[in-house]
PDB file of all heavy atoms in Angstrom:
ATOM      1  N   GLU A   1     -16.363  -6.745 -16.015  1.00  0.00           N
ATOM      2  CA  GLU A   1     -17.379  -7.291 -15.117  1.00  0.00           C
ATOM      3  C   GLU A   1     -16.721  -7.629 -13.781  1.00  0.00           C
ATOM      4  O   GLU A   1     -16.487  -8.792 -13.447  1.00  0.00           O
ATOM      5  CB  GLU A   1     -18.049  -8.519 -15.738  1.00  0.00           C
ATOM      6  CG  GLU A   1     -18.854  -8.206 -16.992  1.00  0.00           C
ATOM      7  CD  GLU A   1     -19.541  -9.437 -17.564  1.00  0.00           C
ATOM      8  OE1 GLU A   1     -19.406 -10.532 -16.973  1.00  0.00           O
ATOM      9  OE2 GLU A   1     -20.227  -9.306 -18.594  1.00  0.00           O
ATOM     10  N   VAL A   2     -16.445  -6.602 -13.021  1.00  0.00           N
ATOM     11  CA  VAL A   2     -15.812  -6.761 -11.718  1.00  0.00           C
ATOM     12  C   VAL A   2     -16.615  -5.996 -10.675  1.00  0.00           C
ATOM     13  O   VAL A   2     -17.328  -5.036 -10.998  1.00  0.00           O
ATOM     14  CB  VAL A   2     -14.351  -6.268 -11.714  1.00  0.00           C
ATOM     15  CG1 VAL A   2     -13.482  -7.161 -12.587  1.00  0.00           C
ATOM     16  CG2 VAL A   2     -14.268  -4.814 -12.180  1.00  0.00           C
ATOM     17  N   GLU A   3     -16.502  -6.424  -9.432  1.00  0.00           N
ATOM     18  CA  GLU A   3     -17.146  -5.769  -8.301  1.00  0.00           C
ATOM     19  C   GLU A   3     -16.071  -5.043  -7.479  1.00  0.00           C
ATOM     20  O   GLU A   3     -14.873  -5.311  -7.628  1.00  0.00           O
ATOM     21  CB  GLU A   3     -17.866  -6.810  -7.433  1.00  0.00           C
ATOM     22  CG  GLU A   3     -18.960  -7.574  -8.164  1.00  0.00           C
ATOM     23  CD  GLU A   3     -20.115  -6.676  -8.594  1.00  0.00           C
ATOM     24  OE1 GLU A   3     -20.357  -5.654  -7.897  1.00  0.00           O
ATOM     25  OE2 GLU A   3     -20.756  -6.968  -9.615  1.00  0.00           O
ATOM     26  N   PRO A   4     -16.487  -4.119  -6.607  1.00  0.00           N
ATOM     27  CA  PRO A   4     -15.515  -3.416  -5.773  1.00  0.00           C
ATOM     28  C   PRO A   4     -14.545  -4.335  -5.041  1.00  0.00           C
ATOM     29  O   PRO A   4     -13.351  -4.030  -4.942  1.00  0.00           O
ATOM     30  CB  PRO A   4     -16.396  -2.617  -4.800  1.00  0.00           C
ATOM     31  CG  PRO A   4     -17.621  -2.318  -5.614  1.00  0.00           C
ATOM     32  CD  PRO A   4     -17.859  -3.546  -6.436  1.00  0.00           C
ATOM     33  N   MET A   5     -15.026  -5.484  -4.536  1.00  0.00           N
ATOM     34  CA  MET A   5     -14.133  -6.387  -3.808  1.00  0.00           C
ATOM     35  C   MET A   5     -13.079  -6.982  -4.751  1.00  0.00           C
ATOM     36  O   MET A   5     -11.950  -7.264  -4.326  1.00  0.00           O
ATOM     37  CB  MET A   5     -14.927  -7.493  -3.136  1.00  0.00           C
ATOM     38  CG  MET A   5     -15.776  -7.010  -1.954  1.00  0.00           C
ATOM     39  SD  MET A   5     -14.806  -6.097  -0.717  1.00  0.00           S
ATOM     40  CE  MET A   5     -13.684  -7.376  -0.157  1.00  0.00           C
ATOM     41  N   ASP A   6     -13.442  -7.180  -6.025  1.00  0.00           N
ATOM     42  CA  ASP A   6     -12.451  -7.671  -7.005  1.00  0.00           C
ATOM     43  C   ASP A   6     -11.354  -6.625  -7.208  1.00  0.00           C
ATOM     44  O   ASP A   6     -10.172  -6.960  -7.324  1.00  0.00           O
ATOM     45  CB  ASP A   6     -13.129  -7.952  -8.356  1.00  0.00           C
ATOM     46  CG  ASP A   6     -14.206  -9.024  -8.256  1.00  0.00           C
ATOM     47  OD1 ASP A   6     -13.995 -10.003  -7.530  1.00  0.00           O
ATOM     48  OD2 ASP A   6     -15.247  -8.863  -8.911  1.00  0.00           O
ATOM     49  N   ILE A   7     -11.772  -5.350  -7.254  1.00  0.00           N
ATOM     50  CA  ILE A   7     -10.815  -4.266  -7.457  1.00  0.00           C
ATOM     51  C   ILE A   7      -9.863  -4.161  -6.259  1.00  0.00           C
ATOM     52  O   ILE A   7      -8.652  -3.995  -6.411  1.00  0.00           O
ATOM     53  CB  ILE A   7     -11.554  -2.943  -7.680  1.00  0.00           C
ATOM     54  CG1 ILE A   7     -12.445  -3.035  -8.939  1.00  0.00           C
ATOM     55  CG2 ILE A   7     -10.573  -1.779  -7.817  1.00  0.00           C
ATOM     56  CD1 ILE A   7     -13.363  -1.848  -9.142  1.00  0.00           C
ATOM     57  N   LEU A   8     -10.427  -4.280  -5.066  1.00  0.00           N
ATOM     58  CA  LEU A   8      -9.587  -4.245  -3.864  1.00  0.00           C
ATOM     59  C   LEU A   8      -8.600  -5.404  -3.840  1.00  0.00           C
ATOM     60  O   LEU A   8      -7.440  -5.238  -3.444  1.00  0.00           O
ATOM     61  CB  LEU A   8     -10.468  -4.289  -2.605  1.00  0.00           C
ATOM     62  CG  LEU A   8     -11.303  -3.033  -2.334  1.00  0.00           C
ATOM     63  CD1 LEU A   8     -12.223  -3.272  -1.154  1.00  0.00           C
ATOM     64  CD2 LEU A   8     -10.405  -1.832  -2.070  1.00  0.00           C
ATOM     65  N   GLU A   9      -9.046  -6.560  -4.293  1.00  0.00           N
ATOM     66  CA  GLU A   9      -8.154  -7.722  -4.340  1.00  0.00           C
ATOM     67  C   GLU A   9      -7.028  -7.502  -5.340  1.00  0.00           C
ATOM     68  O   GLU A   9      -5.868  -7.863  -5.079  1.00  0.00           O
ATOM     69  CB  GLU A   9      -8.938  -8.977  -4.706  1.00  0.00           C
ATOM     70  CG  GLU A   9      -8.109 -10.240  -4.852  1.00  0.00           C
ATOM     71  CD  GLU A   9      -7.410 -10.658  -3.574  1.00  0.00           C
ATOM     72  OE1 GLU A   9      -7.824 -10.190  -2.489  1.00  0.00           O
ATOM     73  OE2 GLU A   9      -6.450 -11.449  -3.643  1.00  0.00           O
ATOM     74  N   GLU A  10      -7.346  -6.882  -6.482  1.00  0.00           N
ATOM     75  CA  GLU A  10      -6.277  -6.584  -7.444  1.00  0.00           C
ATOM     76  C   GLU A  10      -5.302  -5.565  -6.878  1.00  0.00           C
ATOM     77  O   GLU A  10      -4.101  -5.628  -7.151  1.00  0.00           O
ATOM     78  CB  GLU A  10      -6.876  -6.081  -8.761  1.00  0.00           C
ATOM     79  CG  GLU A  10      -7.502  -7.193  -9.584  1.00  0.00           C
ATOM     80  CD  GLU A  10      -7.834  -6.778 -10.997  1.00  0.00           C
ATOM     81  OE1 GLU A  10      -7.594  -5.608 -11.364  1.00  0.00           O
ATOM     82  OE2 GLU A  10      -8.343  -7.643 -11.734  1.00  0.00           O
ATOM     83  N   GLY A  11      -5.802  -4.618  -6.078  1.00  0.00           N
ATOM     84  CA  GLY A  11      -4.904  -3.691  -5.419  1.00  0.00           C
ATOM     85  C   GLY A  11      -3.944  -4.419  -4.481  1.00  0.00           C
ATOM     86  O   GLY A  11      -2.747  -4.115  -4.441  1.00  0.00           O
ATOM     87  N   ARG A  12      -4.478  -5.406  -3.752  1.00  0.00           N
ATOM     88  CA  ARG A  12      -3.629  -6.196  -2.853  1.00  0.00           C
ATOM     89  C   ARG A  12      -2.596  -6.976  -3.648  1.00  0.00           C
ATOM     90  O   ARG A  12      -1.418  -7.062  -3.254  1.00  0.00           O
ATOM     91  CB  ARG A  12      -4.478  -7.162  -2.039  1.00  0.00           C
ATOM     92  CG  ARG A  12      -3.713  -7.911  -0.965  1.00  0.00           C
ATOM     93  CD  ARG A  12      -4.511  -9.088  -0.442  1.00  0.00           C
ATOM     94  NE  ARG A  12      -4.672 -10.102  -1.480  1.00  0.00           N
ATOM     95  CZ  ARG A  12      -3.730 -10.971  -1.809  1.00  0.00           C
ATOM     96  NH1 ARG A  12      -2.559 -10.967  -1.211  1.00  0.00           N
ATOM     97  NH2 ARG A  12      -3.955 -11.863  -2.765  1.00  0.00           N
ATOM     98  N   GLU A  13      -3.006  -7.527  -4.789  1.00  0.00           N
ATOM     99  CA  GLU A  13      -2.077  -8.293  -5.628  1.00  0.00           C
ATOM    100  C   GLU A  13      -1.011  -7.386  -6.241  1.00  0.00           C
ATOM    101  O   GLU A  13       0.141  -7.795  -6.402  1.00  0.00           O
ATOM    102  CB  GLU A  13      -2.860  -9.015  -6.721  1.00  0.00           C
ATOM    103  CG  GLU A  13      -3.760 -10.124  -6.175  1.00  0.00           C
ATOM    104  CD  GLU A  13      -4.666 -10.720  -7.247  1.00  0.00           C
ATOM    105  OE1 GLU A  13      -4.649 -10.195  -8.392  1.00  0.00           O
ATOM    106  OE2 GLU A  13      -5.397 -11.672  -6.937  1.00  0.00           O
ATOM    107  N   ALA A  14      -1.400  -6.147  -6.594  1.00  0.00           N
ATOM    108  CA  ALA A  14      -0.418  -5.200  -7.123  1.00  0.00           C
ATOM    109  C   ALA A  14       0.625  -4.882  -6.065  1.00  0.00           C
ATOM    110  O   ALA A  14       1.829  -4.796  -6.375  1.00  0.00           O
ATOM    111  CB  ALA A  14      -1.113  -3.918  -7.592  1.00  0.00           C
ATOM    112  N   TRP A  15       0.199  -4.709  -4.834  1.00  0.00           N
ATOM    113  CA  TRP A  15       1.144  -4.460  -3.744  1.00  0.00           C
ATOM    114  C   TRP A  15       2.084  -5.650  -3.582  1.00  0.00           C
ATOM    115  O   TRP A  15       3.303  -5.481  -3.404  1.00  0.00           O
ATOM    116  CB  TRP A  15       0.404  -4.196  -2.444  1.00  0.00           C
ATOM    117  CG  TRP A  15       1.282  -4.285  -1.233  1.00  0.00           C
ATOM    118  CD1 TRP A  15       1.311  -5.243  -0.289  1.00  0.00           C
ATOM    119  CD2 TRP A  15       2.313  -3.360  -0.870  1.00  0.00           C
ATOM    120  NE1 TRP A  15       2.278  -4.997   0.646  1.00  0.00           N
ATOM    121  CE2 TRP A  15       2.908  -3.837   0.316  1.00  0.00           C
ATOM    122  CE3 TRP A  15       2.789  -2.170  -1.446  1.00  0.00           C
ATOM    123  CZ2 TRP A  15       3.962  -3.171   0.935  1.00  0.00           C
ATOM    124  CZ3 TRP A  15       3.846  -1.510  -0.807  1.00  0.00           C
ATOM    125  CH2 TRP A  15       4.404  -2.010   0.363  1.00  0.00           C
ATOM    126  N   ALA A  16       1.534  -6.884  -3.651  1.00  0.00           N
ATOM    127  CA  ALA A  16       2.368  -8.074  -3.517  1.00  0.00           C
ATOM    128  C   ALA A  16       3.390  -8.146  -4.655  1.00  0.00           C
ATOM    129  O   ALA A  16       4.539  -8.537  -4.443  1.00  0.00           O
ATOM    130  CB  ALA A  16       1.487  -9.324  -3.516  1.00  0.00           C
ATOM    131  N   TRP A  17       2.971  -7.743  -5.859  1.00  0.00           N
ATOM    132  CA  TRP A  17       3.893  -7.758  -7.004  1.00  0.00           C
ATOM    133  C   TRP A  17       5.031  -6.766  -6.773  1.00  0.00           C
ATOM    134  O   TRP A  17       6.199  -7.090  -7.012  1.00  0.00           O
ATOM    135  CB  TRP A  17       3.131  -7.395  -8.281  1.00  0.00           C
ATOM    136  CG  TRP A  17       4.014  -7.322  -9.490  1.00  0.00           C
ATOM    137  CD1 TRP A  17       4.407  -8.355 -10.302  1.00  0.00           C
ATOM    138  CD2 TRP A  17       4.638  -6.139 -10.027  1.00  0.00           C
ATOM    139  NE1 TRP A  17       5.234  -7.877 -11.299  1.00  0.00           N
ATOM    140  CE2 TRP A  17       5.401  -6.542 -11.154  1.00  0.00           C
ATOM    141  CE3 TRP A  17       4.608  -4.794  -9.651  1.00  0.00           C
ATOM    142  CZ2 TRP A  17       6.117  -5.617 -11.913  1.00  0.00           C
ATOM    143  CZ3 TRP A  17       5.337  -3.886 -10.402  1.00  0.00           C
ATOM    144  CH2 TRP A  17       6.078  -4.290 -11.513  1.00  0.00           C
ATOM    145  N   VAL A  18       4.695  -5.561  -6.322  1.00  0.00           N
ATOM    146  CA  VAL A  18       5.730  -4.564  -6.056  1.00  0.00           C
ATOM    147  C   VAL A  18       6.666  -5.056  -4.955  1.00  0.00           C
ATOM    148  O   VAL A  18       7.893  -4.946  -5.070  1.00  0.00           O
ATOM    149  CB  VAL A  18       5.093  -3.212  -5.649  1.00  0.00           C
ATOM    150  CG1 VAL A  18       6.145  -2.240  -5.139  1.00  0.00           C
ATOM    151  CG2 VAL A  18       4.346  -2.605  -6.831  1.00  0.00           C
ATOM    152  N   HIS A  19       6.081  -5.611  -3.908  1.00  0.00           N
ATOM    153  CA  HIS A  19       6.884  -6.089  -2.788  1.00  0.00           C
ATOM    154  C   HIS A  19       7.852  -7.180  -3.230  1.00  0.00           C
ATOM    155  O   HIS A  19       8.988  -7.262  -2.755  1.00  0.00           O
ATOM    156  CB  HIS A  19       5.979  -6.617  -1.684  1.00  0.00           C
ATOM    157  CG  HIS A  19       6.673  -6.887  -0.394  1.00  0.00           C
ATOM    158  ND1 HIS A  19       7.263  -8.098  -0.118  1.00  0.00           N
ATOM    159  CD2 HIS A  19       6.879  -6.099   0.683  1.00  0.00           C
ATOM    160  CE1 HIS A  19       7.809  -8.046   1.095  1.00  0.00           C
ATOM    161  NE2 HIS A  19       7.582  -6.849   1.601  1.00  0.00           N
ATOM    162  N   GLY A  20       7.409  -8.001  -4.181  1.00  0.00           N
ATOM    163  CA  GLY A  20       8.250  -9.109  -4.627  1.00  0.00           C
ATOM    164  C   GLY A  20       9.239  -8.738  -5.708  1.00  0.00           C
ATOM    165  O   GLY A  20      10.232  -9.449  -5.907  1.00  0.00           O
ATOM    166  N   ASN A  21       9.002  -7.629  -6.406  1.00  0.00           N
ATOM    167  CA  ASN A  21       9.839  -7.274  -7.547  1.00  0.00           C
ATOM    168  C   ASN A  21      10.607  -5.972  -7.393  1.00  0.00           C
ATOM    169  O   ASN A  21      11.464  -5.663  -8.219  1.00  0.00           O
ATOM    170  CB  ASN A  21       8.978  -7.170  -8.824  1.00  0.00           C
ATOM    171  CG  ASN A  21       8.454  -8.518  -9.271  1.00  0.00           C
ATOM    172  OD1 ASN A  21       9.134  -9.256  -9.967  1.00  0.00           O
ATOM    173  ND2 ASN A  21       7.241  -8.860  -8.853  1.00  0.00           N
ATOM    174  N   ALA A  22      10.302  -5.202  -6.388  1.00  0.00           N
ATOM    175  CA  ALA A  22      11.001  -3.944  -6.172  1.00  0.00           C
ATOM    176  C   ALA A  22      11.577  -3.928  -4.764  1.00  0.00           C
ATOM    177  O   ALA A  22      11.773  -4.977  -4.156  1.00  0.00           O
ATOM    178  CB  ALA A  22      10.036  -2.762  -6.394  1.00  0.00           C
ATOM    179  N   VAL A  23      11.834  -2.740  -4.260  1.00  0.00           N
ATOM    180  CA  VAL A  23      12.402  -2.641  -2.912  1.00  0.00           C
ATOM    181  C   VAL A  23      11.294  -2.384  -1.902  1.00  0.00           C
ATOM    182  O   VAL A  23      10.257  -1.857  -2.234  1.00  0.00           O
ATOM    183  CB  VAL A  23      13.448  -1.501  -2.846  1.00  0.00           C
ATOM    184  CG1 VAL A  23      14.619  -1.804  -3.738  1.00  0.00           C
ATOM    185  CG2 VAL A  23      12.813  -0.174  -3.184  1.00  0.00           C
ATOM    186  N   ASN A  24      11.567  -2.740  -0.681  1.00  0.00           N
ATOM    187  CA  ASN A  24      10.610  -2.559   0.402  1.00  0.00           C
ATOM    188  C   ASN A  24      10.878  -1.210   1.064  1.00  0.00           C
ATOM    189  O   ASN A  24      11.936  -1.023   1.681  1.00  0.00           O
ATOM    190  CB  ASN A  24      10.767  -3.686   1.415  1.00  0.00           C
ATOM    191  CG  ASN A  24       9.754  -3.580   2.542  1.00  0.00           C
ATOM    192  OD1 ASN A  24       8.982  -2.646   2.609  1.00  0.00           O
ATOM    193  ND2 ASN A  24       9.784  -4.558   3.414  1.00  0.00           N
ATOM    194  N   PRO A  25       9.947  -0.237   1.020  1.00  0.00           N
ATOM    195  CA  PRO A  25      10.204   1.067   1.624  1.00  0.00           C
ATOM    196  C   PRO A  25      10.382   1.004   3.134  1.00  0.00           C
ATOM    197  O   PRO A  25      10.950   1.917   3.724  1.00  0.00           O
ATOM    198  CB  PRO A  25       8.967   1.881   1.243  1.00  0.00           C
ATOM    199  CG  PRO A  25       7.909   0.868   0.994  1.00  0.00           C
ATOM    200  CD  PRO A  25       8.613  -0.318   0.403  1.00  0.00           C
ATOM    201  N   LEU A  26       9.918  -0.065   3.757  1.00  0.00           N
ATOM    202  CA  LEU A  26      10.045  -0.159   5.209  1.00  0.00           C
ATOM    203  C   LEU A  26      11.463  -0.473   5.654  1.00  0.00           C
ATOM    204  O   LEU A  26      11.778  -0.352   6.836  1.00  0.00           O
ATOM    205  CB  LEU A  26       9.092  -1.244   5.756  1.00  0.00           C
ATOM    206  CG  LEU A  26       7.600  -1.039   5.460  1.00  0.00           C
ATOM    207  CD1 LEU A  26       6.788  -2.112   6.149  1.00  0.00           C
ATOM    208  CD2 LEU A  26       7.150   0.340   5.906  1.00  0.00           C
ATOM    209  N   ARG A  27      12.305  -0.854   4.719  1.00  0.00           N
ATOM    210  CA  ARG A  27      13.672  -1.233   5.119  1.00  0.00           C
ATOM    211  C   ARG A  27      14.466  -0.045   5.666  1.00  0.00           C
ATOM    212  O   ARG A  27      15.486  -0.229   6.324  1.00  0.00           O
ATOM    213  CB  ARG A  27      14.416  -1.857   3.915  1.00  0.00           C
ATOM    214  CG  ARG A  27      14.727  -0.851   2.809  1.00  0.00           C
ATOM    215  CD  ARG A  27      15.051  -1.554   1.501  1.00  0.00           C
ATOM    216  NE  ARG A  27      16.196  -2.437   1.634  1.00  0.00           N
ATOM    217  CZ  ARG A  27      17.450  -2.067   1.367  1.00  0.00           C
ATOM    218  NH1 ARG A  27      17.685  -0.832   0.996  1.00  0.00           N
ATOM    219  NH2 ARG A  27      18.443  -2.911   1.490  1.00  0.00           N
ATOM    220  N   ARG A  28      13.987   1.173   5.408  1.00  0.00           N
ATOM    221  CA  ARG A  28      14.688   2.354   5.909  1.00  0.00           C
ATOM    222  C   ARG A  28      14.248   2.737   7.316  1.00  0.00           C
ATOM    223  O   ARG A  28      14.801   3.634   7.924  1.00  0.00           O
ATOM    224  CB  ARG A  28      14.440   3.539   4.965  1.00  0.00           C
ATOM    225  CG  ARG A  28      14.920   3.289   3.545  1.00  0.00           C
ATOM    226  CD  ARG A  28      14.807   4.517   2.706  1.00  0.00           C
ATOM    227  NE  ARG A  28      15.687   5.581   3.196  1.00  0.00           N
ATOM    228  CZ  ARG A  28      15.824   6.746   2.577  1.00  0.00           C
ATOM    229  NH1 ARG A  28      15.175   6.986   1.470  1.00  0.00           N
ATOM    230  NH2 ARG A  28      16.628   7.668   3.070  1.00  0.00           N
ATOM    231  N   VAL A  29      13.203   2.088   7.810  1.00  0.00           N
ATOM    232  CA  VAL A  29      12.697   2.407   9.130  1.00  0.00           C
ATOM    233  C   VAL A  29      13.298   1.458  10.151  1.00  0.00           C
ATOM    234  O   VAL A  29      13.271   0.245   9.972  1.00  0.00           O
ATOM    235  CB  VAL A  29      11.156   2.306   9.161  1.00  0.00           C
ATOM    236  CG1 VAL A  29      10.606   2.637  10.535  1.00  0.00           C
ATOM    237  CG2 VAL A  29      10.553   3.225   8.101  1.00  0.00           C
ATOM    238  N   GLN A  30      13.851   2.024  11.232  1.00  0.00           N
ATOM    239  CA  GLN A  30      14.575   1.199  12.201  1.00  0.00           C
ATOM    240  C   GLN A  30      13.663   0.525  13.209  1.00  0.00           C
ATOM    241  O   GLN A  30      13.981  -0.517  13.714  1.00  0.00           O
ATOM    242  CB  GLN A  30      15.603   2.078  12.931  1.00  0.00           C
ATOM    243  CG  GLN A  30      16.616   2.705  12.000  1.00  0.00           C
ATOM    244  CD  GLN A  30      17.404   1.663  11.258  1.00  0.00           C
ATOM    245  OE1 GLN A  30      17.895   0.708  11.839  1.00  0.00           O
ATOM    246  NE2 GLN A  30      17.541   1.844   9.940  1.00  0.00           N
ATOM    247  N   ARG A  31      12.502   1.136  13.503  1.00  0.00           N
ATOM    248  CA  ARG A  31      11.627   0.507  14.478  1.00  0.00           C
ATOM    249  C   ARG A  31      10.168   0.844  14.178  1.00  0.00           C
ATOM    250  O   ARG A  31       9.862   1.885  13.601  1.00  0.00           O
ATOM    251  CB  ARG A  31      11.972   0.987  15.895  1.00  0.00           C
ATOM    252  CG  ARG A  31      11.754   2.467  16.102  1.00  0.00           C
ATOM    253  CD  ARG A  31      12.066   2.870  17.543  1.00  0.00           C
ATOM    254  NE  ARG A  31      11.791   4.271  17.770  1.00  0.00           N
ATOM    255  CZ  ARG A  31      11.895   4.871  18.945  1.00  0.00           C
ATOM    256  NH1 ARG A  31      12.302   4.170  19.994  1.00  0.00           N
ATOM    257  NH2 ARG A  31      11.625   6.160  19.085  1.00  0.00           N
ATOM    258  N   GLY A  32       9.286  -0.065  14.544  1.00  0.00           N
ATOM    259  CA  GLY A  32       7.856   0.170  14.356  1.00  0.00           C
ATOM    260  C   GLY A  32       7.473   0.438  12.923  1.00  0.00           C
ATOM    261  O   GLY A  32       8.101  -0.031  11.978  1.00  0.00           O
ATOM    262  N   LEU A  33       6.436   1.239  12.747  1.00  0.00           N
ATOM    263  CA  LEU A  33       5.949   1.615  11.424  1.00  0.00           C
ATOM    264  C   LEU A  33       6.611   2.906  10.967  1.00  0.00           C
ATOM    265  O   LEU A  33       7.059   3.704  11.789  1.00  0.00           O
ATOM    266  CB  LEU A  33       4.435   1.796  11.464  1.00  0.00           C
ATOM    267  CG  LEU A  33       3.636   0.524  11.746  1.00  0.00           C
ATOM    268  CD1 LEU A  33       2.160   0.857  11.899  1.00  0.00           C
ATOM    269  CD2 LEU A  33       3.838  -0.506  10.646  1.00  0.00           C
ATOM    270  N   PRO A  34       6.652   3.125   9.656  1.00  0.00           N
ATOM    271  CA  PRO A  34       7.287   4.357   9.155  1.00  0.00           C
ATOM    272  C   PRO A  34       6.435   5.574   9.496  1.00  0.00           C
ATOM    273  O   PRO A  34       5.250   5.460   9.787  1.00  0.00           O
ATOM    274  CB  PRO A  34       7.343   4.115   7.651  1.00  0.00           C
ATOM    275  CG  PRO A  34       6.199   3.195   7.383  1.00  0.00           C
ATOM    276  CD  PRO A  34       6.145   2.276   8.567  1.00  0.00           C
ATOM    277  N   PRO A  35       7.017   6.761   9.454  1.00  0.00           N
ATOM    278  CA  PRO A  35       6.244   7.992   9.709  1.00  0.00           C
ATOM    279  C   PRO A  35       5.075   8.104   8.724  1.00  0.00           C
ATOM    280  O   PRO A  35       5.197   7.745   7.547  1.00  0.00           O
ATOM    281  CB  PRO A  35       7.277   9.100   9.502  1.00  0.00           C
ATOM    282  CG  PRO A  35       8.592   8.434   9.752  1.00  0.00           C
ATOM    283  CD  PRO A  35       8.437   7.030   9.246  1.00  0.00           C
ATOM    284  N   LEU A  36       3.978   8.636   9.222  1.00  0.00           N
ATOM    285  CA  LEU A  36       2.764   8.761   8.417  1.00  0.00           C
ATOM    286  C   LEU A  36       2.386  10.230   8.275  1.00  0.00           C
ATOM    287  O   LEU A  36       2.276  10.953   9.260  1.00  0.00           O
ATOM    288  CB  LEU A  36       1.605   8.001   9.066  1.00  0.00           C
ATOM    289  CG  LEU A  36       0.227   8.251   8.466  1.00  0.00           C
ATOM    290  CD1 LEU A  36       0.085   7.560   7.116  1.00  0.00           C
ATOM    291  CD2 LEU A  36      -0.872   7.782   9.411  1.00  0.00           C
ATOM    292  N   PHE A  37       2.193  10.668   7.026  1.00  0.00           N
ATOM    293  CA  PHE A  37       1.623  11.992   6.762  1.00  0.00           C
ATOM    294  C   PHE A  37       0.240  11.788   6.179  1.00  0.00           C
ATOM    295  O   PHE A  37       0.095  11.224   5.103  1.00  0.00           O
ATOM    296  CB  PHE A  37       2.496  12.789   5.788  1.00  0.00           C
ATOM    297  CG  PHE A  37       1.974  14.169   5.521  1.00  0.00           C
ATOM    298  CD1 PHE A  37       2.346  15.234   6.334  1.00  0.00           C
ATOM    299  CD2 PHE A  37       1.125  14.420   4.452  1.00  0.00           C
ATOM    300  CE1 PHE A  37       1.873  16.511   6.095  1.00  0.00           C
ATOM    301  CE2 PHE A  37       0.643  15.686   4.206  1.00  0.00           C
ATOM    302  CZ  PHE A  37       1.011  16.743   5.025  1.00  0.00           C
ATOM    303  N   ALA A  38      -0.794  12.212   6.903  1.00  0.00           N
ATOM    304  CA  ALA A  38      -2.177  12.044   6.452  1.00  0.00           C
ATOM    305  C   ALA A  38      -2.792  13.410   6.233  1.00  0.00           C
ATOM    306  O   ALA A  38      -2.536  14.353   6.983  1.00  0.00           O
ATOM    307  CB  ALA A  38      -2.973  11.249   7.479  1.00  0.00           C
ATOM    308  N   SER A  39      -3.619  13.528   5.206  1.00  0.00           N
ATOM    309  CA  SER A  39      -4.300  14.801   4.932  1.00  0.00           C
ATOM    310  C   SER A  39      -5.705  14.521   4.434  1.00  0.00           C
ATOM    311  O   SER A  39      -6.010  13.418   3.940  1.00  0.00           O
ATOM    312  CB  SER A  39      -3.514  15.599   3.883  1.00  0.00           C
ATOM    313  OG  SER A  39      -3.472  14.885   2.656  1.00  0.00           O
ATOM    314  N   HIS A  40      -6.549  15.539   4.554  1.00  0.00           N
ATOM    315  CA  HIS A  40      -7.945  15.349   4.123  1.00  0.00           C
ATOM    316  C   HIS A  40      -8.572  16.715   3.896  1.00  0.00           C
ATOM    317  O   HIS A  40      -8.193  17.717   4.520  1.00  0.00           O
ATOM    318  CB  HIS A  40      -8.724  14.589   5.194  1.00  0.00           C
ATOM    319  CG  HIS A  40      -9.769  13.681   4.638  1.00  0.00           C
ATOM    320  ND1 HIS A  40      -9.692  12.309   4.714  1.00  0.00           N
ATOM    321  CD2 HIS A  40     -10.927  13.938   3.962  1.00  0.00           C
ATOM    322  CE1 HIS A  40     -10.752  11.763   4.149  1.00  0.00           C
ATOM    323  NE2 HIS A  40     -11.511  12.732   3.679  1.00  0.00           N
ATOM    324  N   GLY A  41      -9.556  16.744   3.001  1.00  0.00           N
ATOM    325  CA  GLY A  41     -10.327  17.954   2.757  1.00  0.00           C
ATOM    326  C   GLY A  41     -11.510  18.035   3.713  1.00  0.00           C
ATOM    327  O   GLY A  41     -12.257  17.075   3.870  1.00  0.00           O
ATOM    328  N   GLY A  42     -11.680  19.193   4.352  1.00  0.00           N
ATOM    329  CA  GLY A  42     -12.753  19.346   5.324  1.00  0.00           C
ATOM    330  C   GLY A  42     -14.146  19.281   4.717  1.00  0.00           C
ATOM    331  O   GLY A  42     -15.126  19.045   5.430  1.00  0.00           O
ATOM    332  N   ARG A  43     -14.250  19.486   3.407  1.00  0.00           N
ATOM    333  CA  ARG A  43     -15.556  19.434   2.734  1.00  0.00           C
ATOM    334  C   ARG A  43     -15.693  18.208   1.834  1.00  0.00           C
ATOM    335  O   ARG A  43     -16.453  18.213   0.873  1.00  0.00           O
ATOM    336  CB  ARG A  43     -15.762  20.712   1.911  1.00  0.00           C
ATOM    337  CG  ARG A  43     -15.877  21.959   2.796  1.00  0.00           C
ATOM    338  CD  ARG A  43     -16.231  23.196   2.006  1.00  0.00           C
ATOM    339  NE  ARG A  43     -16.324  24.376   2.857  1.00  0.00           N
ATOM    340  CZ  ARG A  43     -16.599  25.604   2.423  1.00  0.00           C
ATOM    341  NH1 ARG A  43     -16.788  25.815   1.114  1.00  0.00           N
ATOM    342  NH2 ARG A  43     -16.675  26.622   3.252  1.00  0.00           N
TER     343      ARG A  43
END
């Protein structure tokens, strides 16, 4: 019995758990944000 906003909040909490228990991928980036590869289907 959850709503979409509950699911999004759990996603945020999962990220916080990873950030607190694993390594931070941003530590390899020297400045600004890391490189972004974005893709999408035209249909």
